[in-house]
Amino acid sequence: MQAIEVKHLPATNTEGYRLKAFCAAGSLTVDRSCIPIDDQVTEVVAMLLDKLEWHHAFQVGQLKNGNYVAVLDRY
């Protein structure tokens, strides 16, 4: 089983504020402005699941360091 971690990437001189979802199987970084603020974490996790062609429901929680983690639901 793999957990998907989501962290916020601060803006730089060349990039805006971004979200990065990553796990051992791959990662995805997206511009935060293209996702509604209420759905940012769940949306970026769903986008990574689509990219990896994993068709699962998931649960999201927050880690002590402020990052988020998503785990896949059992069937």
PDB file of N, CA and C in Angstrom:
ATOM      1  N   MET A   1       0.841  -1.176   0.000  1.00  0.00           N
ATOM      2  CA  MET A   1       0.000   0.000   0.000  1.00  0.00           C
ATOM      3  C   MET A   1       0.890   1.245   0.000  1.00  0.00           C
ATOM      4  N   GLN A   2       0.484   2.229  -0.737  1.00  0.00           N
ATOM      5  CA  GLN A   2       1.216   3.490  -0.796  1.00  0.00           C
ATOM      6  C   GLN A   2       0.339   4.623  -0.288  1.00  0.00           C
ATOM      7  N   ALA A   3       0.962   5.524   0.415  1.00  0.00           N
ATOM      8  CA  ALA A   3       0.282   6.752   0.825  1.00  0.00           C
ATOM      9  C   ALA A   3       0.677   7.847  -0.152  1.00  0.00           C
ATOM     10  N   ILE A   4      -0.236   8.748  -0.419  1.00  0.00           N
ATOM     11  CA  ILE A   4       0.045   9.888  -1.293  1.00  0.00           C
ATOM     12  C   ILE A   4       0.153  11.114  -0.394  1.00  0.00           C
ATOM     13  N   GLU A   5       1.301  11.757  -0.436  1.00  0.00           N
ATOM     14  CA  GLU A   5       1.506  12.961   0.369  1.00  0.00           C
ATOM     15  C   GLU A   5       1.317  14.190  -0.513  1.00  0.00           C
ATOM     16  N   VAL A   6       0.722  15.216   0.038  1.00  0.00           N
ATOM     17  CA  VAL A   6       0.503  16.472  -0.688  1.00  0.00           C
ATOM     18  C   VAL A   6       1.148  17.590   0.113  1.00  0.00           C
ATOM     19  N   LYS A   7       2.019  18.356  -0.551  1.00  0.00           N
ATOM     20  CA  LYS A   7       2.626  19.491   0.137  1.00  0.00           C
ATOM     21  C   LYS A   7       2.477  20.752  -0.694  1.00  0.00           C
ATOM     22  N   HIS A   8       2.489  21.859  -0.001  1.00  0.00           N
ATOM     23  CA  HIS A   8       2.379  23.168  -0.632  1.00  0.00           C
ATOM     24  C   HIS A   8       3.780  23.639  -1.019  1.00  0.00           C
ATOM     25  N   LEU A   9       3.923  24.112  -2.241  1.00  0.00           N
ATOM     26  CA  LEU A   9       5.188  24.673  -2.705  1.00  0.00           C
ATOM     27  C   LEU A   9       5.016  26.180  -2.817  1.00  0.00           C
ATOM     28  N   PRO A  10       5.846  26.949  -2.127  1.00  0.00           N
ATOM     29  CA  PRO A  10       5.688  28.404  -2.146  1.00  0.00           C
ATOM     30  C   PRO A  10       6.000  28.994  -3.525  1.00  0.00           C
ATOM     31  N   ALA A  11       5.517  30.181  -3.755  1.00  0.00           N
ATOM     32  CA  ALA A  11       5.795  30.893  -5.003  1.00  0.00           C
ATOM     33  C   ALA A  11       7.276  31.262  -5.074  1.00  0.00           C
ATOM     34  N   THR A  12       7.797  31.276  -6.293  1.00  0.00           N
ATOM     35  CA  THR A  12       9.171  31.704  -6.546  1.00  0.00           C
ATOM     36  C   THR A  12       9.124  32.857  -7.548  1.00  0.00           C
ATOM     37  N   ASN A  13      10.283  33.277  -8.009  1.00  0.00           N
ATOM     38  CA  ASN A  13      10.325  34.346  -9.007  1.00  0.00           C
ATOM     39  C   ASN A  13       9.736  33.910 -10.347  1.00  0.00           C
ATOM     40  N   THR A  14       9.767  32.607 -10.627  1.00  0.00           N
ATOM     41  CA  THR A  14       9.298  32.124 -11.924  1.00  0.00           C
ATOM     42  C   THR A  14       8.043  31.257 -11.854  1.00  0.00           C
ATOM     43  N   GLU A  15       7.696  30.751 -10.674  1.00  0.00           N
ATOM     44  CA  GLU A  15       6.541  29.867 -10.508  1.00  0.00           C
ATOM     45  C   GLU A  15       5.601  30.433  -9.458  1.00  0.00           C
ATOM     46  N   GLY A  16       4.318  30.213  -9.658  1.00  0.00           N
ATOM     47  CA  GLY A  16       3.336  30.611  -8.656  1.00  0.00           C
ATOM     48  C   GLY A  16       3.227  29.552  -7.563  1.00  0.00           C
ATOM     49  N   TYR A  17       2.308  29.754  -6.644  1.00  0.00           N
ATOM     50  CA  TYR A  17       2.042  28.829  -5.557  1.00  0.00           C
ATOM     51  C   TYR A  17       1.519  27.523  -6.145  1.00  0.00           C
ATOM     52  N   ARG A  18       2.114  26.388  -5.747  1.00  0.00           N
ATOM     53  CA  ARG A  18       1.765  25.095  -6.334  1.00  0.00           C
ATOM     54  C   ARG A  18       1.492  24.048  -5.263  1.00  0.00           C
ATOM     55  N   LEU A  19       0.871  22.977  -5.671  1.00  0.00           N
ATOM     56  CA  LEU A  19       0.666  21.800  -4.837  1.00  0.00           C
ATOM     57  C   LEU A  19       1.353  20.623  -5.512  1.00  0.00           C
ATOM     58  N   LYS A  20       2.038  19.808  -4.702  1.00  0.00           N
ATOM     59  CA  LYS A  20       2.699  18.623  -5.232  1.00  0.00           C
ATOM     60  C   LYS A  20       2.163  17.403  -4.509  1.00  0.00           C
ATOM     61  N   ALA A  21       1.643  16.446  -5.269  1.00  0.00           N
ATOM     62  CA  ALA A  21       1.204  15.159  -4.743  1.00  0.00           C
ATOM     63  C   ALA A  21       2.233  14.130  -5.184  1.00  0.00           C
ATOM     64  N   PHE A  22       2.688  13.301  -4.242  1.00  0.00           N
ATOM     65  CA  PHE A  22       3.713  12.329  -4.600  1.00  0.00           C
ATOM     66  C   PHE A  22       3.585  11.056  -3.778  1.00  0.00           C
ATOM     67  N   CYS A  23       4.045   9.964  -4.396  1.00  0.00           N
ATOM     68  CA  CYS A  23       4.120   8.661  -3.750  1.00  0.00           C
ATOM     69  C   CYS A  23       5.246   7.906  -4.450  1.00  0.00           C
ATOM     70  N   ALA A  24       5.495   6.676  -4.059  1.00  0.00           N
ATOM     71  CA  ALA A  24       6.580   5.909  -4.659  1.00  0.00           C
ATOM     72  C   ALA A  24       6.361   5.664  -6.159  1.00  0.00           C
ATOM     73  N   ALA A  25       5.110   5.615  -6.592  1.00  0.00           N
ATOM     74  CA  ALA A  25       4.794   5.325  -7.995  1.00  0.00           C
ATOM     75  C   ALA A  25       4.886   6.533  -8.922  1.00  0.00           C
ATOM     76  N   GLY A  26       4.912   7.754  -8.384  1.00  0.00           N
ATOM     77  CA  GLY A  26       4.990   8.937  -9.225  1.00  0.00           C
ATOM     78  C   GLY A  26       4.576  10.193  -8.499  1.00  0.00           C
ATOM     79  N   SER A  27       4.568  11.295  -9.234  1.00  0.00           N
ATOM     80  CA  SER A  27       4.205  12.578  -8.636  1.00  0.00           C
ATOM     81  C   SER A  27       3.516  13.469  -9.657  1.00  0.00           C
ATOM     82  N   LEU A  28       2.919  14.534  -9.132  1.00  0.00           N
ATOM     83  CA  LEU A  28       2.220  15.505  -9.966  1.00  0.00           C
ATOM     84  C   LEU A  28       2.285  16.851  -9.265  1.00  0.00           C
ATOM     85  N   THR A  29       2.669  17.890  -9.982  1.00  0.00           N
ATOM     86  CA  THR A  29       2.698  19.245  -9.443  1.00  0.00           C
ATOM     87  C   THR A  29       1.754  20.098 -10.268  1.00  0.00           C
ATOM     88  N   VAL A  30       0.861  20.834  -9.581  1.00  0.00           N
ATOM     89  CA  VAL A  30      -0.112  21.668 -10.282  1.00  0.00           C
ATOM     90  C   VAL A  30      -0.136  23.067  -9.681  1.00  0.00           C
ATOM     91  N   ASP A  31      -0.476  24.026 -10.514  1.00  0.00           N
ATOM     92  CA  ASP A  31      -0.653  25.410 -10.080  1.00  0.00           C
ATOM     93  C   ASP A  31      -1.918  25.477  -9.235  1.00  0.00           C
ATOM     94  N   ARG A  32      -1.803  26.018  -8.057  1.00  0.00           N
ATOM     95  CA  ARG A  32      -2.937  26.066  -7.135  1.00  0.00           C
ATOM     96  C   ARG A  32      -4.089  26.884  -7.677  1.00  0.00           C
ATOM     97  N   SER A  33      -3.822  27.890  -8.484  1.00  0.00           N
ATOM     98  CA  SER A  33      -4.881  28.783  -8.957  1.00  0.00           C
ATOM     99  C   SER A  33      -5.881  28.091  -9.883  1.00  0.00           C
ATOM    100  N   CYS A  34      -5.537  26.916 -10.413  1.00  0.00           N
ATOM    101  CA  CYS A  34      -6.456  26.220 -11.312  1.00  0.00           C
ATOM    102  C   CYS A  34      -7.414  25.299 -10.563  1.00  0.00           C
ATOM    103  N   ILE A  35      -7.328  25.273  -9.228  1.00  0.00           N
ATOM    104  CA  ILE A  35      -8.177  24.406  -8.414  1.00  0.00           C
ATOM    105  C   ILE A  35      -8.914  25.259  -7.389  1.00  0.00           C
ATOM    106  N   PRO A  36     -10.225  25.077  -7.213  1.00  0.00           N
ATOM    107  CA  PRO A  36     -10.940  25.819  -6.167  1.00  0.00           C
ATOM    108  C   PRO A  36     -10.324  25.568  -4.792  1.00  0.00           C
ATOM    109  N   ILE A  37     -10.219  26.588  -3.976  1.00  0.00           N
ATOM    110  CA  ILE A  37      -9.496  26.506  -2.708  1.00  0.00           C
ATOM    111  C   ILE A  37     -10.037  25.434  -1.761  1.00  0.00           C
ATOM    112  N   ASP A  38     -11.344  25.201  -1.743  1.00  0.00           N
ATOM    113  CA  ASP A  38     -11.926  24.209  -0.844  1.00  0.00           C
ATOM    114  C   ASP A  38     -11.588  22.778  -1.241  1.00  0.00           C
ATOM    115  N   ASP A  39     -11.265  22.558  -2.487  1.00  0.00           N
ATOM    116  CA  ASP A  39     -11.048  21.207  -3.004  1.00  0.00           C
ATOM    117  C   ASP A  39      -9.603  20.938  -3.405  1.00  0.00           C
ATOM    118  N   GLN A  40      -8.667  21.789  -3.022  1.00  0.00           N
ATOM    119  CA  GLN A  40      -7.309  21.688  -3.541  1.00  0.00           C
ATOM    120  C   GLN A  40      -6.642  20.346  -3.273  1.00  0.00           C
ATOM    121  N   VAL A  41      -6.649  19.902  -2.048  1.00  0.00           N
ATOM    122  CA  VAL A  41      -5.944  18.666  -1.710  1.00  0.00           C
ATOM    123  C   VAL A  41      -6.625  17.466  -2.350  1.00  0.00           C
ATOM    124  N   THR A  42      -7.928  17.357  -2.215  1.00  0.00           N
ATOM    125  CA  THR A  42      -8.618  16.204  -2.790  1.00  0.00           C
ATOM    126  C   THR A  42      -8.527  16.202  -4.312  1.00  0.00           C
ATOM    127  N   GLU A  43      -8.552  17.367  -4.919  1.00  0.00           N
ATOM    128  CA  GLU A  43      -8.469  17.441  -6.379  1.00  0.00           C
ATOM    129  C   GLU A  43      -7.098  17.019  -6.895  1.00  0.00           C
ATOM    130  N   VAL A  44      -6.030  17.463  -6.239  1.00  0.00           N
ATOM    131  CA  VAL A  44      -4.691  17.093  -6.709  1.00  0.00           C
ATOM    132  C   VAL A  44      -4.437  15.602  -6.479  1.00  0.00           C
ATOM    133  N   VAL A  45      -4.979  15.029  -5.410  1.00  0.00           N
ATOM    134  CA  VAL A  45      -4.871  13.579  -5.203  1.00  0.00           C
ATOM    135  C   VAL A  45      -5.629  12.849  -6.307  1.00  0.00           C
ATOM    136  N   ALA A  46      -6.835  13.288  -6.624  1.00  0.00           N
ATOM    137  CA  ALA A  46      -7.615  12.665  -7.696  1.00  0.00           C
ATOM    138  C   ALA A  46      -6.893  12.761  -9.039  1.00  0.00           C
ATOM    139  N   MET A  47      -6.234  13.888  -9.285  1.00  0.00           N
ATOM    140  CA  MET A  47      -5.480  14.060 -10.532  1.00  0.00           C
ATOM    141  C   MET A  47      -4.307  13.080 -10.601  1.00  0.00           C
ATOM    142  N   LEU A  48      -3.611  12.872  -9.481  1.00  0.00           N
ATOM    143  CA  LEU A  48      -2.505  11.917  -9.466  1.00  0.00           C
ATOM    144  C   LEU A  48      -3.031  10.496  -9.652  1.00  0.00           C
ATOM    145  N   LEU A  49      -4.137  10.157  -9.012  1.00  0.00           N
ATOM    146  CA  LEU A  49      -4.719   8.826  -9.199  1.00  0.00           C
ATOM    147  C   LEU A  49      -5.086   8.591 -10.663  1.00  0.00           C
ATOM    148  N   ASP A  50      -5.640   9.601 -11.322  1.00  0.00           N
ATOM    149  CA  ASP A  50      -5.957   9.483 -12.754  1.00  0.00           C
ATOM    150  C   ASP A  50      -4.695   9.271 -13.571  1.00  0.00           C
ATOM    151  N   LYS A  51      -3.653  10.026 -13.254  1.00  0.00           N
ATOM    152  CA  LYS A  51      -2.383   9.907 -13.988  1.00  0.00           C
ATOM    153  C   LYS A  51      -1.809   8.500 -13.841  1.00  0.00           C
ATOM    154  N   LEU A  52      -1.907   7.933 -12.629  1.00  0.00           N
ATOM    155  CA  LEU A  52      -1.369   6.602 -12.371  1.00  0.00           C
ATOM    156  C   LEU A  52      -2.329   5.487 -12.790  1.00  0.00           C
ATOM    157  N   GLU A  53      -3.534   5.859 -13.239  1.00  0.00           N
ATOM    158  CA  GLU A  53      -4.584   4.924 -13.640  1.00  0.00           C
ATOM    159  C   GLU A  53      -4.985   4.013 -12.485  1.00  0.00           C
ATOM    160  N   TRP A  54      -5.074   4.609 -11.298  1.00  0.00           N
ATOM    161  CA  TRP A  54      -5.562   3.909 -10.108  1.00  0.00           C
ATOM    162  C   TRP A  54      -6.992   4.364  -9.897  1.00  0.00           C
ATOM    163  N   HIS A  55      -7.899   3.442  -9.799  1.00  0.00           N
ATOM    164  CA  HIS A  55      -9.313   3.770  -9.672  1.00  0.00           C
ATOM    165  C   HIS A  55      -9.796   3.365  -8.280  1.00  0.00           C
ATOM    166  N   HIS A  56      -9.503   4.209  -7.299  1.00  0.00           N
ATOM    167  CA  HIS A  56      -9.839   3.931  -5.906  1.00  0.00           C
ATOM    168  C   HIS A  56     -10.422   5.179  -5.251  1.00  0.00           C
ATOM    169  N   ALA A  57     -11.258   4.955  -4.262  1.00  0.00           N
ATOM    170  CA  ALA A  57     -11.677   6.041  -3.373  1.00  0.00           C
ATOM    171  C   ALA A  57     -10.542   6.241  -2.360  1.00  0.00           C
ATOM    172  N   PHE A  58     -10.505   7.388  -1.711  1.00  0.00           N
ATOM    173  CA  PHE A  58      -9.428   7.659  -0.769  1.00  0.00           C
ATOM    174  C   PHE A  58      -9.912   8.534   0.370  1.00  0.00           C
ATOM    175  N   GLN A  59      -9.147   8.526   1.440  1.00  0.00           N
ATOM    176  CA  GLN A  59      -9.394   9.363   2.607  1.00  0.00           C
ATOM    177  C   GLN A  59      -8.197  10.283   2.781  1.00  0.00           C
ATOM    178  N   VAL A  60      -8.433  11.529   3.193  1.00  0.00           N
ATOM    179  CA  VAL A  60      -7.363  12.513   3.368  1.00  0.00           C
ATOM    180  C   VAL A  60      -7.286  12.935   4.828  1.00  0.00           C
ATOM    181  N   GLY A  61      -6.072  13.058   5.322  1.00  0.00           N
ATOM    182  CA  GLY A  61      -5.823  13.567   6.665  1.00  0.00           C
ATOM    183  C   GLY A  61      -4.638  14.512   6.635  1.00  0.00           C
ATOM    184  N   GLN A  62      -4.422  15.211   7.728  1.00  0.00           N
ATOM    185  CA  GLN A  62      -3.318  16.168   7.786  1.00  0.00           C
ATOM    186  C   GLN A  62      -2.235  15.665   8.728  1.00  0.00           C
ATOM    187  N   LEU A  63      -0.980  15.814   8.298  1.00  0.00           N
ATOM    188  CA  LEU A  63       0.160  15.429   9.105  1.00  0.00           C
ATOM    189  C   LEU A  63       0.549  16.557  10.051  1.00  0.00           C
ATOM    190  N   LYS A  64       1.362  16.238  11.029  1.00  0.00           N
ATOM    191  CA  LYS A  64       1.798  17.213  12.022  1.00  0.00           C
ATOM    192  C   LYS A  64       2.580  18.377  11.393  1.00  0.00           C
ATOM    193  N   ASN A  65       3.303  18.121  10.304  1.00  0.00           N
ATOM    194  CA  ASN A  65       4.106  19.155   9.651  1.00  0.00           C
ATOM    195  C   ASN A  65       3.300  20.062   8.724  1.00  0.00           C
ATOM    196  N   GLY A  66       1.981  19.832   8.629  1.00  0.00           N
ATOM    197  CA  GLY A  66       1.134  20.671   7.784  1.00  0.00           C
ATOM    198  C   GLY A  66       0.835  20.077   6.423  1.00  0.00           C
ATOM    199  N   ASN A  67       1.597  19.072   6.004  1.00  0.00           N
ATOM    200  CA  ASN A  67       1.304  18.392   4.749  1.00  0.00           C
ATOM    201  C   ASN A  67       0.063  17.527   4.924  1.00  0.00           C
ATOM    202  N   TYR A  68      -0.484  17.086   3.822  1.00  0.00           N
ATOM    203  CA  TYR A  68      -1.642  16.204   3.846  1.00  0.00           C
ATOM    204  C   TYR A  68      -1.228  14.839   3.338  1.00  0.00           C
ATOM    205  N   VAL A  69      -1.973  13.821   3.707  1.00  0.00           N
ATOM    206  CA  VAL A  69      -1.719  12.472   3.232  1.00  0.00           C
ATOM    207  C   VAL A  69      -3.048  11.832   2.861  1.00  0.00           C
ATOM    208  N   ALA A  70      -3.030  11.095   1.766  1.00  0.00           N
ATOM    209  CA  ALA A  70      -4.213  10.376   1.320  1.00  0.00           C
ATOM    210  C   ALA A  70      -3.893   8.899   1.288  1.00  0.00           C
ATOM    211  N   VAL A  71      -4.814   8.097   1.767  1.00  0.00           N
ATOM    212  CA  VAL A  71      -4.674   6.644   1.702  1.00  0.00           C
ATOM    213  C   VAL A  71      -5.880   6.093   0.957  1.00  0.00           C
ATOM    214  N   LEU A  72      -5.655   5.024   0.233  1.00  0.00           N
ATOM    215  CA  LEU A  72      -6.713   4.423  -0.564  1.00  0.00           C
ATOM    216  C   LEU A  72      -7.656   3.630   0.330  1.00  0.00           C
ATOM    217  N   ASP A  73      -8.946   3.711   0.041  1.00  0.00           N
ATOM    218  CA  ASP A  73      -9.948   2.918   0.750  1.00  0.00           C
ATOM    219  C   ASP A  73      -9.850   1.463   0.296  1.00  0.00           C
ATOM    220  N   ARG A  74     -10.246   0.587   1.194  1.00  0.00           N
ATOM    221  CA  ARG A  74     -10.343  -0.832   0.800  1.00  0.00           C
ATOM    222  C   ARG A  74     -11.587  -1.019  -0.052  1.00  0.00           C
ATOM    223  N   TYR A  75     -11.570  -2.037  -0.826  1.00  0.00           N
ATOM    224  CA  TYR A  75     -12.736  -2.352  -1.651  1.00  0.00           C
ATOM    225  C   TYR A  75     -13.829  -2.868  -0.785  1.00  0.00           C
TER     226      TYR A  75
END
